[in-house]
Protein backbone atom coordinates (compact mmCIF):
# COMPACT_ATOMS: atom_id res chain seq x y z
CA LEU A 1 -0.03 0.13 0.31
CA PHE A 2 2.86 2.27 0.81
CA VAL A 3 4.53 2.03 -2.46
CA ALA A 4 1.41 1.78 -4.52
CA GLU A 5 -0.06 4.95 -2.83
CA THR A 6 3.32 6.79 -3.27
CA ALA A 7 3.42 5.86 -7.08
CA ALA A 8 0.10 6.97 -7.80
CA ALA A 9 0.49 10.33 -6.17
CA LEU A 10 3.61 10.79 -8.23
CA CYS A 11 1.64 9.94 -11.50
CA LEU A 12 -1.35 11.80 -10.36
CA SER A 13 0.56 14.97 -9.60
CA GLY A 14 2.21 14.71 -13.08
CA ALA A 15 -0.93 14.41 -14.64
CA TYR A 16 -2.11 17.56 -12.75
CA ARG A 17 0.97 19.43 -14.21
CA ALA A 18 0.29 18.54 -17.56
CA ALA A 19 -3.11 19.86 -17.13
CA GLY A 20 -1.90 23.07 -15.69
CA ASP A 21 -3.55 22.65 -12.20
CA ARG A 22 -0.49 23.80 -9.95
CA MET A 23 -2.35 24.01 -6.89
CA TRP A 24 -3.70 20.38 -6.99
CA GLN A 25 -0.28 19.23 -8.04
CA CYS A 26 1.41 20.87 -5.19
CA LEU A 27 -1.25 19.54 -2.38
CA THR A 28 -0.99 16.06 -4.02
CA LEU A 29 2.72 16.21 -3.59
CA LEU A 30 2.16 17.65 0.16
CA PHE A 31 0.15 14.75 1.22
CA ALA A 32 2.46 12.19 -0.18
CA LEU A 33 5.85 13.35 0.82
CA LEU A 34 4.82 14.80 4.24
CA PRO A 35 3.84 11.05 5.83
CA CYS A 36 6.58 9.59 3.99
CA ALA A 37 9.30 11.68 5.83
CA LEU A 38 7.00 11.13 9.40
CA VAL A 39 7.19 7.62 8.57
CA GLN A 40 10.97 7.51 8.28
CA LEU A 41 11.38 9.20 11.56
CA SER A 42 9.17 6.88 13.06
CA LEU A 43 11.03 3.87 11.90
CA VAL A 44 14.71 5.76 12.99
CA PHE A 45 13.38 6.37 16.26
CA ILE A 46 11.71 3.02 17.01
CA HIS A 47 15.02 0.83 15.66
CA ARG A 48 17.39 3.83 16.83
CA ASP A 49 19.38 3.87 14.10
CA VAL A 50 21.03 7.28 14.83
CA SER A 51 22.81 5.73 17.92
CA ARG A 52 24.25 2.68 15.65
CA ASP A 53 26.97 2.88 12.92
CA ARG A 54 24.74 2.47 10.01
CA PRO A 55 25.08 5.29 7.57
CA LEU A 56 23.78 3.50 4.61
CA VAL A 57 20.29 2.73 6.46
CA LEU A 58 20.39 6.35 7.57
CA LEU A 59 21.20 7.62 3.74
CA LEU A 60 18.24 5.19 2.55
CA HIS A 61 15.97 6.97 5.01
CA LEU A 62 16.76 10.35 4.06
CA LEU A 63 16.19 8.91 0.25
CA GLN A 64 12.59 8.15 1.64
CA LEU A 65 13.35 4.37 1.25
CA GLY A 66 13.50 3.17 4.89
CA PRO A 67 10.19 0.95 4.41
CA LEU A 68 11.80 -0.96 1.56
CA VAL A 69 14.86 -1.60 3.49
CA ARG A 70 13.12 -2.53 6.56
CA CYS A 71 10.87 -5.18 4.35
CA VAL A 72 14.14 -6.78 2.48
CA GLU A 73 15.55 -6.97 6.19
CA VAL A 74 12.53 -8.67 7.20
CA PHE A 75 12.65 -11.27 4.47
CA TYR A 76 16.07 -11.95 5.08
CA ILE A 77 15.70 -12.64 8.80
CA TYR A 78 12.74 -14.66 8.28
CA PHE A 79 14.27 -17.16 5.83
CA ARG A 80 17.49 -17.40 7.79
CA ALA A 81 15.47 -18.35 11.05
CA GLY A 82 16.14 -21.69 12.52
CA ARG A 83 19.11 -22.53 9.97
CA VAL A 84 21.77 -21.31 12.68
CA GLU A 85 21.61 -22.25 16.48
CA GLU A 86 21.10 -19.02 18.49
CA PRO A 87 23.46 -18.45 21.16
CA TYR A 88 20.90 -17.38 23.60
CA VAL A 89 16.95 -16.99 24.04
CA SER A 90 14.53 -15.15 25.95
CA ILE A 91 11.88 -16.38 27.91
CA THR A 92 8.34 -14.55 28.00
CA LYS A 93 5.42 -15.37 30.02
CA LYS A 94 1.88 -14.98 28.80
CA ARG A 95 -1.66 -15.76 30.59
CA GLN A 96 -4.24 -17.50 28.38
CA MET A 97 -7.73 -16.36 28.14
CA PRO A 98 -9.84 -17.37 31.19
CA LYS A 99 -11.61 -20.80 30.86
CA ASP A 100 -14.34 -21.45 33.71
CA GLY A 101 -13.01 -18.64 35.59
CA TYR A 102 -9.23 -19.97 35.37
CA SER A 103 -6.26 -18.41 33.51
CA GLU A 104 -3.11 -20.45 32.95
CA GLU A 105 0.31 -18.68 32.58
CA ILE A 106 2.28 -20.24 29.63
CA GLU A 107 6.15 -19.77 29.01
CA LYS A 108 7.71 -19.23 25.65
CA GLU A 109 10.90 -19.10 24.14
CA VAL A 110 11.88 -16.22 21.89
CA GLY A 111 15.01 -16.26 19.84
CA GLN A 112 16.76 -13.31 18.50
CA ALA A 113 15.33 -13.63 15.14
CA GLU A 114 11.91 -13.70 16.41
CA GLY A 115 12.42 -10.75 18.70
CA LYS A 116 13.80 -8.54 15.69
CA LEU A 117 10.54 -9.72 13.61
CA CYS A 118 8.67 -8.48 16.38
CA THR A 119 10.09 -5.12 16.67
CA HIS A 120 9.80 -5.09 12.81
CA ARG A 121 6.18 -5.55 13.04
CA SER A 122 5.59 -2.98 15.61
CA ALA A 123 7.48 -0.59 13.83
CA PHE A 124 5.66 -1.24 11.01
CA SER A 125 2.24 -1.02 12.48
CA ARG A 126 2.91 2.16 13.96
CA ALA A 127 4.25 3.76 10.48
CA SER A 128 0.84 2.39 8.88
CA VAL A 129 -1.14 4.38 11.27
CA ILE A 130 0.75 7.36 10.31
CA GLN A 131 0.84 7.06 6.84
CA ALA A 132 -2.89 6.40 7.03
CA PHE A 133 -4.10 9.44 8.96
CA LEU A 134 -1.56 12.02 8.32
CA GLY A 135 -1.29 11.32 4.52
CA SER A 136 -3.86 8.77 3.17
CA ALA A 137 -7.05 10.68 4.94
CA PRO A 138 -6.31 14.26 3.51
CA GLN A 139 -5.28 12.89 0.47
CA LEU A 140 -8.53 11.09 -0.09
CA THR A 141 -10.35 13.90 1.12
CA LEU A 142 -8.50 16.25 -1.62
CA GLN A 143 -9.00 13.68 -4.54
CA LEU A 144 -12.76 13.38 -3.80
CA TYR A 145 -13.33 17.17 -3.32
CA ILE A 146 -11.37 17.64 -6.77
CA CYS A 147 -13.95 15.15 -8.47
CA VAL A 148 -16.69 17.16 -6.98
CA LEU A 149 -15.69 20.34 -8.33
CA GLN A 150 -14.49 19.22 -12.02
CA GLN A 151 -17.76 16.69 -11.88
CA GLU A 152 -15.54 14.10 -13.28
CA ILE A 153 -13.69 10.96 -12.14
CA THR A 154 -10.73 9.63 -14.18
CA ALA A 155 -9.40 6.08 -13.71
CA ALA A 156 -6.12 7.42 -12.52
CA ARG A 157 -7.73 9.21 -9.70
CA SER A 158 -10.42 6.71 -8.73
CA ILE A 159 -7.51 3.73 -8.44
CA PHE A 160 -5.82 6.51 -6.33
CA MET A 161 -8.66 7.12 -3.96
CA VAL A 162 -9.36 3.36 -3.70
CA LEU A 163 -5.75 2.89 -2.51
CA SER A 164 -5.95 5.61 0.22
CA LEU A 165 -9.21 4.15 1.44
CA LEU A 166 -7.67 0.83 1.64
CA SER A 167 -4.78 2.45 3.51
CA ILE A 168 -7.03 4.36 5.96
CA VAL A 169 -9.02 1.35 6.76
CA TYR A 170 -5.58 -0.69 7.14
CA GLY A 171 -4.24 1.68 9.68
CA ALA A 172 -7.44 1.92 11.72
CA LEU A 173 -7.49 -1.81 11.78
CA ARG A 174 -3.80 -1.75 12.90
CA CYS A 175 -4.78 0.89 15.41
CA ASN A 176 -7.37 -1.28 17.09
CA ILE A 177 -5.01 -4.23 17.25
CA LEU A 178 -2.23 -2.27 18.74
CA ALA A 179 -4.72 -0.81 21.44
CA ILE A 180 -5.69 -4.43 22.16
CA LYS A 181 -2.21 -5.83 22.40
CA ILE A 182 -1.24 -2.95 24.48
CA LYS A 183 -4.04 -3.13 26.98
CA TYR A 184 -3.91 -6.91 27.30
CA ASP A 185 -0.28 -7.38 27.28
CA ASP A 186 0.04 -10.02 29.94
CA TYR A 187 -2.22 -12.19 27.84
CA ASP A 188 -1.84 -14.28 24.94
CA VAL A 189 -4.11 -12.49 22.51
CA SER A 190 -5.30 -14.43 19.15
CA VAL A 191 -7.34 -12.41 16.89
CA LYS A 192 -9.85 -14.46 14.76
CA PRO A 193 -11.11 -13.61 11.08
CA ALA A 194 -14.42 -12.75 12.00
CA ALA A 195 -12.61 -9.78 14.27
CA TYR A 196 -10.67 -8.61 11.56
CA LEU A 197 -13.87 -8.62 9.22
CA CYS A 198 -16.05 -6.80 11.76
CA ILE A 199 -13.07 -4.21 12.27
CA PHE A 200 -12.67 -3.50 8.32
CA MET A 201 -16.44 -3.26 7.74
CA TRP A 202 -16.75 -1.24 10.80
CA ARG A 203 -13.72 1.14 9.86
CA SER A 204 -14.75 1.37 5.85
CA PHE A 205 -18.01 2.81 6.68
CA GLU A 206 -16.90 4.95 9.30
CA ILE A 207 -14.14 6.64 7.21
CA ALA A 208 -16.03 6.58 4.04
CA THR A 209 -19.20 8.43 5.23
CA ARG A 210 -17.07 10.82 7.28
CA VAL A 211 -14.76 12.03 4.05
CA THR A 212 -17.78 12.21 1.96
CA VAL A 213 -19.57 14.57 4.48
CA LEU A 214 -16.42 16.63 4.96
CA VAL A 215 -16.15 17.04 1.12
CA LEU A 216 -19.89 17.66 0.54
CA PHE A 217 -20.02 20.50 3.04
CA SER A 218 -16.45 21.99 1.89
CA SER A 219 -18.01 22.25 -1.58
CA VAL A 220 -20.63 24.45 -0.92
CA LEU A 221 -19.23 26.25 2.39
CA GLN A 222 -15.47 26.78 1.66
CA ILE A 223 -15.22 29.86 4.34
CA TRP A 224 -16.51 27.64 7.06
CA THR A 225 -14.38 24.52 6.35
CA LEU A 226 -11.34 25.66 8.23
CA PRO A 227 -13.05 26.81 11.59
CA VAL A 228 -14.68 23.36 11.27
CA VAL A 229 -11.53 21.45 10.74
CA LEU A 230 -9.74 23.37 13.15
CA VAL A 231 -12.14 23.00 16.00
CA ASN A 232 -12.18 19.32 15.61
CA PHE A 233 -8.36 18.98 15.30
CA PHE A 234 -7.17 21.57 18.49
CA GLY A 235 -10.31 20.01 20.47
CA PHE A 236 -8.75 16.69 20.22
CA PHE A 237 -5.03 17.79 20.26
CA PHE A 238 -5.51 19.60 23.50
CA TYR A 239 -7.75 17.35 25.33
CA PRO A 240 -4.90 14.84 26.62
CA TRP A 241 -3.00 18.00 27.75
CA ILE A 242 -6.20 19.49 29.36
CA LEU A 243 -6.60 16.28 31.44
CA PHE A 244 -2.86 15.94 32.14
CA TRP A 245 -2.76 19.35 33.71
CA GLN A 246 -6.13 18.81 35.60
CA SER A 247 -4.43 15.44 37.24
CA LYS A 248 -1.90 17.58 38.50
CA SER A 249 0.86 14.98 37.65
CA PRO A 250 4.62 15.59 37.05
CA PHE A 251 5.96 15.59 33.71
CA PRO A 252 6.70 12.51 32.30
CA GLU A 253 10.39 12.05 32.45
CA ASN A 254 10.73 8.12 31.81
CA ILE A 255 9.67 8.02 27.94
CA GLU A 256 13.53 7.51 26.69
CA LYS A 257 16.45 8.39 28.90
CA ALA A 258 18.24 9.87 25.95
CA LEU A 259 15.84 12.33 25.18
CA SER A 260 15.99 15.90 27.19
CA ARG A 261 12.88 17.58 28.56
CA VAL A 262 12.41 19.39 25.44
CA GLY A 263 12.75 16.22 23.44
CA THR A 264 10.21 14.54 25.48
CA THR A 265 7.78 17.39 24.93
CA ILE A 266 8.32 16.98 20.97
CA VAL A 267 7.65 13.63 21.34
CA LEU A 268 4.29 14.20 23.35
CA CYS A 269 3.22 16.81 20.94
CA LEU A 270 3.81 14.50 17.95
CA LEU A 271 1.72 11.61 19.71
CA THR A 272 -0.97 13.86 20.62
CA PHE A 273 -1.04 15.60 16.77
CA LEU A 274 -1.34 11.84 15.59
CA TYR A 275 -4.03 11.20 18.29
CA ALA A 276 -5.79 14.52 16.79
CA GLY A 277 -5.55 13.26 13.24
CA ILE A 278 -6.91 10.06 13.91
CA ASN A 279 -9.89 11.35 15.79
CA MET A 280 -10.84 13.60 12.80
CA PHE A 281 -12.05 10.97 10.84
CA CYS A 282 -12.46 7.90 13.24
CA TRP A 283 -12.66 6.65 16.70
CA SER A 284 -9.07 6.49 17.85
CA ALA A 285 -9.08 3.12 19.86
CA VAL A 286 -6.01 3.88 21.57
CA GLN A 287 -6.45 6.78 24.22
CA VAL A 288 -3.83 8.93 25.30
CA LYS A 289 -3.09 9.61 28.83
CA LEU A 290 -0.02 11.60 29.47
CA ASN A 291 0.31 11.25 33.01
CA ASP A 292 0.41 7.07 32.70
CA PRO A 293 4.22 5.61 32.22
CA ASP A 294 2.78 3.80 28.98
CA LEU A 295 1.22 7.05 27.97
CA ILE A 296 -1.97 4.89 27.14
CA ASN A 297 -5.35 4.53 29.03
CA LYS A 298 -5.53 1.01 29.43
CA SER A 299 -9.32 1.08 31.04
CA GLN A 300 -12.31 0.41 28.93
CA ASN A 301 -14.46 3.54 28.72
CA TRP A 302 -17.68 3.09 27.41
CA TYR A 303 -19.05 6.67 28.43
CA ARG A 304 -16.25 8.08 26.25
CA LEU A 305 -17.00 6.12 23.30
CA THR A 306 -20.59 6.68 23.64
CA VAL A 307 -20.37 10.53 23.74
CA TYR A 308 -17.81 10.46 21.07
CA TYR A 309 -20.37 8.61 18.54
CA MET A 310 -23.31 10.57 19.36
CA LEU A 311 -21.48 14.16 18.97
CA ARG A 312 -20.00 12.82 15.74
CA PHE A 313 -23.37 11.65 14.42
CA ILE A 314 -25.03 15.13 15.19
CA GLU A 315 -21.86 16.88 13.67
CA ASN A 316 -22.31 14.67 10.27
CA ALA A 317 -26.05 15.50 10.67
CA PHE A 318 -25.67 19.06 10.92
CA LEU A 319 -23.17 19.45 8.15
CA LEU A 320 -25.36 17.58 5.82
CA LEU A 321 -28.06 19.78 6.85
CA MET A 322 -25.97 22.83 5.98
CA TRP A 323 -24.92 21.33 2.41
CA TYR A 324 -28.56 20.56 1.64
CA ILE A 325 -29.69 24.32 2.49
CA TYR A 326 -26.66 25.86 0.48
CA LYS A 327 -26.47 23.01 -2.34
CA THR A 328 -25.09 24.68 -5.42
CA ASP A 329 -26.08 23.98 -9.13
CA ILE A 330 -23.62 21.22 -9.45
CA TYR A 331 -25.65 18.94 -7.24
CA LEU A 332 -28.61 19.68 -9.77
CA TYR A 333 -28.66 15.96 -11.02
CA VAL A 334 -28.36 14.57 -7.51
CA CYS A 335 -31.15 13.19 -5.43
CA ALA A 336 -29.88 15.21 -2.12
CA PRO A 337 -32.46 13.63 0.41
CA LEU A 338 -31.29 10.16 -0.95
CA LEU A 339 -27.86 10.93 -0.45
CA VAL A 340 -28.13 12.54 2.99
CA LEU A 341 -30.49 9.32 4.23
CA GLN A 342 -27.57 6.90 2.34
CA LEU A 343 -24.79 8.82 4.37
CA LEU A 344 -26.55 8.60 7.68
CA ILE A 345 -27.30 4.80 7.39
CA GLY A 346 -23.83 4.28 6.34
CA TYR A 347 -22.75 5.53 9.81
CA CYS A 348 -25.24 3.70 11.69
CA MET A 349 -24.01 0.67 9.92
CA ALA A 350 -20.47 1.54 11.12
CA VAL A 351 -21.74 1.73 14.57
CA LEU A 352 -23.54 -1.49 14.46
CA PHE A 353 -20.30 -3.34 13.22
CA MET A 354 -18.59 -1.80 15.79
CA LEU A 355 -21.20 -3.05 18.60
CA VAL A 356 -20.90 -6.40 17.16
CA PHE A 357 -17.31 -6.40 17.21
CA TYR A 358 -16.99 -5.35 21.13
CA GLN A 359 -20.06 -7.90 21.97
CA PHE A 360 -19.11 -11.16 19.98
CA CYS A 361 -15.99 -10.86 18.30
CA HIS A 362 -13.29 -8.96 20.68
CA PRO A 363 -10.70 -11.39 21.58
CA CYS A 364 -10.48 -10.23 25.13
CA LYS A 365 -14.19 -9.84 25.82
CA LYS A 366 -14.07 -12.38 28.77
CA LEU A 367 -11.86 -9.61 30.70
CA PHE A 368 -14.40 -6.94 30.09
CA SER A 369 -16.06 -5.93 33.54
CA SER A 370 -19.02 -4.80 31.73
CA SER A 371 -20.07 -5.82 28.15
CA ILE A 372 -20.87 -3.16 25.36
CA SER A 373 -24.61 -3.81 25.88
CA GLU A 374 -24.29 -3.00 29.77
CA GLY A 375 -22.10 -0.16 29.20
CA LEU A 376 -24.16 1.65 26.65
CA LEU A 377 -27.24 0.76 28.52
CA SER A 378 -25.89 2.63 31.52
CA CYS A 379 -24.98 5.28 29.46
CA PHE A 380 -28.36 5.92 28.29
CA LYS A 381 -29.59 5.67 31.65
CA PHE A 382 -27.13 8.54 32.74
CA LEU A 383 -28.44 10.76 29.95
CA CYS A 384 -32.12 10.34 30.76
CA PHE A 385 -31.36 10.93 34.47
CA ILE A 386 -29.65 14.32 33.43
CA CYS A 387 -32.21 15.16 30.89
CA LYS A 388 -35.29 14.35 33.13
CA THR A 389 -36.50 17.57 34.86
CA PRO A 390 -37.39 17.35 38.39
CA LYS A 391 -41.18 18.90 39.24
CA SER A 392 -41.48 21.68 41.30
CA PRO A 393 -42.37 21.46 45.01
CA ILE A 394 -44.81 24.16 44.86
CA LEU A 395 -46.79 22.70 42.20
CA THR A 396 -46.62 19.23 44.02
CA ASP A 397 -48.03 20.78 47.41
CA LYS A 398 -50.82 22.51 45.51
CA ALA A 399 -51.53 18.82 43.94
CA GLU A 400 -51.53 17.43 47.33
CA VAL A 401 -54.05 20.11 48.90
CA LYS A 402 -56.40 19.89 46.01
CA SER A 403 -56.73 16.55 44.36
CA PRO A 404 -58.82 16.35 41.26
CA GLU A 405 -60.06 12.97 42.07
CA ASN A 406 -61.53 14.15 45.34
CA THR A 407 -63.12 17.22 43.53
CA ASP A 408 -64.76 15.04 41.11
CA GLU A 409 -66.18 12.75 43.51
CA ALA A 410 -67.43 15.77 45.68
CA ARG A 411 -69.33 17.08 42.57
CA SER A 412 -70.62 13.91 41.49
CA SER A 413 -72.13 12.82 45.17
CA GLY A 414 -73.60 16.49 45.38
CA LYS A 415 -72.19 16.77 49.00
CA THR A 416 -71.16 20.20 50.51
CA ILE A 417 -67.84 21.18 51.05
CA ASP A 418 -66.78 23.18 53.92
CA SER A 419 -65.49 26.54 53.15
CA GLN A 420 -63.24 26.68 56.32
CA LYS A 421 -61.82 23.29 56.14
CA GLY A 422 -62.07 22.24 52.50
CA VAL A 423 -63.17 18.96 53.52
CA PRO A 424 -66.34 17.27 52.38
CA HIS A 425 -68.77 16.16 54.86
CA GLN A 426 -69.65 12.75 54.85
CA SER A 427 -71.65 10.56 57.01
CA VAL A 428 -69.68 7.61 58.57
CA SER A 429 -71.26 4.72 60.00
CA SER A 430 -70.07 3.47 63.29
CA ASN A 431 -69.48 -0.06 61.90
CA ALA A 432 -67.13 1.37 59.44
């Protein structure tokens, strides 16, 4: 996906240059080269090539060929594994998923080759997330916006958009798997194909509808596009920092021993920058927590998940309403109500696949303190409790003093009411 998307971006930018569209050419190149540079930095940072004597690898990273070199190195390690006896191995302890309330701990020997492959895999997982949400997501939005303005979908542009969408969905899928493995690091986690399918469908519907809504809104209200994007981005960017300042925790110093305070701040800013970029388009399964040593919130917060999807659905509906009100002549042959309905149903389908994943297909669902259905039920009860207005005490006292049932009974029986006490005269027998 990395190589195909980069090649498609270069070809499409050449087509824009030939057509004289300098602005589209520059934006296409920017969204293609910026994530490439960030991917090289992430690979260098995770593998610590700066501290090693590997000038050729550093040169290839500067030439934006780092992922290709890593891929060749991975295959070289993989095919040589097992041929030569390793001098030493490390032992890892993992716990199995609980069965009938019991969880066994198993030991596993990990050789040097397998350890290197795990390091490469984690590095590529993080690089795919960076590529997806800092490159492919803006690229897909840009190309779809160009298609709407020019009212034409070329073959090269359609292939490029399909590759970008697959890259975003794959990055979101890797983000989900990373979140599961980080939260349940003590357990031996195995993800089944049904879980991958649910995540793929969930992310596909969510990201496709989100990008389409942003493109439709920006095509009719260009002036208000920037405020909407900035509010979304900076809201998610500063949210972890606000929680960190409210907790009054000390500044995290144990991220990397070789980093100074300034370097740690830069790393944390880049982390929250990526976190905001993910949440712009979809729910980030990894929640940043700056006062935690692992920088990740490992608790399962159903309330935050519910609030995010409710607010995002309201925002998408509002943006579609603005598009429907201010749509221009380029949408003359588009059935606007049907399109709005399809996008809202598509977002609901994403939520449905998400619920199916957490309820039935999550590999660690046995470790949940409460299921997704119980969590959502408690969330709705809490929201209904907040929205419910209490009765006024004055009206309650009046209702107790003068009950309509007593008044109707007194009128129907024709009994006189004492004007001083307000109680009807009744003849009560001694037997009663």
